[in-house]
N, C-alpha and C. Protein backbone atom coordinates (compact mmCIF):
# COMPACT_ATOMS: atom_id res chain seq x y z
N MET A 1 125.26 224.84 -20.73
CA MET A 1 125.89 224.59 -19.60
C MET A 1 126.66 223.32 -19.42
N PRO A 2 128.05 223.26 -19.97
CA PRO A 2 127.95 221.48 -20.09
C PRO A 2 128.06 221.01 -18.45
N LEU A 3 127.92 219.70 -18.68
CA LEU A 3 128.23 219.21 -17.35
C LEU A 3 129.08 218.06 -17.75
N VAL A 4 130.02 217.89 -17.15
CA VAL A 4 131.15 216.58 -16.71
C VAL A 4 130.61 215.93 -15.23
N ARG A 5 131.08 214.57 -15.61
CA ARG A 5 130.82 213.95 -14.99
C ARG A 5 131.89 212.46 -14.76
N ILE A 6 132.46 212.90 -14.15
CA ILE A 6 133.76 211.77 -13.95
C ILE A 6 133.48 210.73 -12.74
N GLU A 7 133.66 209.34 -13.01
CA GLU A 7 133.66 208.48 -11.96
C GLU A 7 134.77 207.84 -11.72
N MET A 8 135.50 207.51 -10.79
CA MET A 8 136.81 206.69 -10.62
C MET A 8 137.13 206.34 -9.27
N LYS A 9 138.00 205.26 -9.23
CA LYS A 9 137.75 204.58 -7.62
C LYS A 9 138.30 205.35 -7.03
N LYS A 10 137.91 205.38 -5.64
CA LYS A 10 138.34 206.33 -4.36
C LYS A 10 139.85 206.04 -3.88
N GLY A 11 140.60 207.41 -3.94
CA GLY A 11 141.89 207.28 -3.23
C GLY A 11 142.35 208.35 -3.78
N LYS A 12 142.33 208.88 -4.71
CA LYS A 12 143.01 209.88 -5.45
C LYS A 12 143.09 211.21 -4.58
N SER A 13 144.29 211.83 -4.70
CA SER A 13 144.43 212.87 -3.87
C SER A 13 143.63 214.05 -4.32
N LYS A 14 143.61 215.17 -3.70
CA LYS A 14 142.46 216.39 -3.75
C LYS A 14 143.35 217.01 -4.98
N GLU A 15 144.67 217.20 -5.18
CA GLU A 15 145.41 217.76 -6.03
C GLU A 15 145.16 217.03 -7.72
N TYR A 16 145.36 215.90 -7.72
CA TYR A 16 145.20 215.02 -8.77
C TYR A 16 143.59 215.48 -9.29
N LYS A 17 142.60 215.34 -8.37
CA LYS A 17 141.21 215.46 -8.89
C LYS A 17 140.90 216.77 -9.57
N LYS A 18 141.85 217.83 -8.20
CA LYS A 18 141.67 219.46 -9.51
C LYS A 18 142.26 219.67 -10.32
N THR A 19 143.52 218.71 -10.64
CA THR A 19 144.18 218.53 -11.73
C THR A 19 143.31 218.08 -13.32
N LEU A 20 142.67 217.20 -12.71
CA LEU A 20 141.84 216.47 -13.89
C LEU A 20 141.10 217.31 -14.17
N LEU A 21 140.14 217.91 -13.43
CA LEU A 21 139.25 219.04 -13.73
C LEU A 21 139.42 220.01 -14.40
N ASP A 22 140.74 220.55 -14.28
CA ASP A 22 141.16 221.80 -14.60
C ASP A 22 141.50 221.25 -16.28
N CYS A 23 142.11 220.28 -16.33
CA CYS A 23 142.38 219.87 -17.59
C CYS A 23 141.36 219.13 -18.66
N VAL A 24 140.24 219.02 -17.92
CA VAL A 24 138.77 218.62 -18.73
C VAL A 24 138.21 219.99 -19.24
N HIS A 25 137.98 220.72 -18.45
CA HIS A 25 137.77 222.25 -18.32
C HIS A 25 138.45 222.78 -19.35
N GLY A 26 139.99 222.61 -19.54
CA GLY A 26 140.54 223.24 -20.60
C GLY A 26 139.97 222.73 -21.76
N GLY A 27 140.00 221.53 -21.72
CA GLY A 27 139.72 220.81 -23.37
C GLY A 27 138.47 221.47 -23.64
N LEU A 28 137.56 221.30 -22.77
CA LEU A 28 136.22 221.95 -23.55
C LEU A 28 136.10 223.43 -23.93
N VAL A 29 136.95 224.22 -22.99
CA VAL A 29 137.00 225.78 -23.78
C VAL A 29 137.89 225.69 -25.14
N GLU A 30 138.81 224.64 -25.72
CA GLU A 30 139.73 224.76 -26.17
C GLU A 30 138.62 224.05 -27.61
N ALA A 31 138.25 222.91 -27.20
CA ALA A 31 137.20 222.14 -28.60
C ALA A 31 135.93 222.85 -28.78
N PHE A 32 135.30 223.37 -27.91
CA PHE A 32 133.96 223.73 -27.99
C PHE A 32 133.74 225.13 -28.08
N GLY A 33 135.01 226.00 -27.63
CA GLY A 33 134.65 227.53 -27.07
C GLY A 33 133.66 227.76 -26.03
N ILE A 34 134.08 227.07 -25.21
CA ILE A 34 132.80 227.68 -24.11
C ILE A 34 133.18 228.84 -23.44
N GLU A 35 132.78 229.71 -22.57
CA GLU A 35 133.12 230.27 -21.94
C GLU A 35 134.12 229.88 -20.93
N GLU A 36 135.10 230.39 -20.53
CA GLU A 36 136.17 229.78 -19.07
C GLU A 36 135.30 229.94 -18.00
N TRP A 37 134.36 230.62 -17.64
CA TRP A 37 133.44 230.73 -16.46
C TRP A 37 132.26 229.48 -16.44
N ASP A 38 132.23 229.27 -17.63
CA ASP A 38 130.72 228.16 -17.73
C ASP A 38 131.45 226.79 -17.22
N ARG A 39 131.42 226.48 -16.03
CA ARG A 39 132.05 225.35 -15.45
C ARG A 39 130.85 224.53 -14.51
N PHE A 40 130.44 223.48 -14.55
CA PHE A 40 129.62 222.38 -13.76
C PHE A 40 130.45 220.83 -14.18
N GLN A 41 130.89 220.57 -12.81
CA GLN A 41 131.56 219.48 -12.59
C GLN A 41 131.62 218.45 -11.69
N ARG A 42 131.56 217.18 -12.09
CA ARG A 42 131.41 216.42 -10.75
C ARG A 42 132.18 215.27 -10.36
N ILE A 43 132.82 215.13 -9.54
CA ILE A 43 133.75 213.49 -9.39
C ILE A 43 132.76 212.45 -8.71
N ILE A 44 132.58 211.62 -9.13
CA ILE A 44 131.78 210.19 -8.21
C ILE A 44 132.91 209.59 -8.27
N GLU A 45 133.29 209.22 -6.59
CA GLU A 45 133.94 207.96 -6.12
C GLU A 45 133.63 207.02 -5.92
N ILE A 46 134.28 205.85 -6.07
CA ILE A 46 133.45 204.43 -6.07
C ILE A 46 134.51 203.70 -4.94
N ASP A 47 134.22 203.19 -4.45
CA ASP A 47 134.79 201.98 -3.48
C ASP A 47 135.37 200.85 -4.49
N LYS A 48 136.64 200.72 -4.19
CA LYS A 48 137.16 199.53 -4.92
C LYS A 48 136.68 198.52 -5.00
N ASP A 49 136.08 198.08 -4.05
CA ASP A 49 135.08 196.96 -3.67
C ASP A 49 133.85 197.03 -4.81
N ASP A 50 133.55 198.08 -4.82
CA ASP A 50 132.52 198.36 -5.87
C ASP A 50 132.55 198.43 -7.64
N PHE A 51 134.02 198.17 -7.90
CA PHE A 51 134.36 198.89 -8.99
C PHE A 51 135.26 197.89 -9.61
N GLU A 52 134.48 197.09 -10.77
CA GLU A 52 134.85 195.77 -11.36
C GLU A 52 135.08 196.00 -13.01
N THR A 53 136.46 195.50 -13.25
CA THR A 53 137.17 195.50 -14.57
C THR A 53 137.47 194.50 -15.07
N ALA A 54 137.57 193.95 -16.24
CA ALA A 54 138.40 192.62 -16.61
C ALA A 54 139.86 192.94 -15.62
N PRO A 55 140.20 191.66 -15.61
CA PRO A 55 141.56 191.66 -14.95
C PRO A 55 142.82 191.93 -15.37
N GLU A 56 142.46 191.97 -17.35
CA GLU A 56 143.76 192.23 -18.02
C GLU A 56 143.71 194.13 -17.92
N LYS A 57 142.45 194.85 -17.68
CA LYS A 57 142.47 196.22 -17.80
C LYS A 57 142.51 196.77 -16.30
N GLN A 58 142.97 195.90 -15.18
CA GLN A 58 143.22 196.53 -14.11
C GLN A 58 144.01 197.32 -13.73
N MET A 59 144.15 198.58 -13.08
CA MET A 59 145.48 199.10 -12.56
C MET A 59 145.62 198.98 -11.51
N THR A 60 147.25 199.40 -11.10
CA THR A 60 147.82 199.25 -10.14
C THR A 60 147.53 200.15 -8.74
N SER A 61 146.64 201.52 -9.23
CA SER A 61 146.92 202.81 -8.39
C SER A 61 145.34 202.67 -8.14
């Protein structure tokens, strides 16, 4: 069973997160041949104030 953990800043829509999870799972199915039903994924959302990156790597959204 593959375990996927995605960490991101809070604020993305439910639809965005579902699309992201579907794309990641599709890549695992294609690249590693896992079964379509074999899916265990989590999104961990982090407050913007608790997420730090270098200024040149910051995104506006």
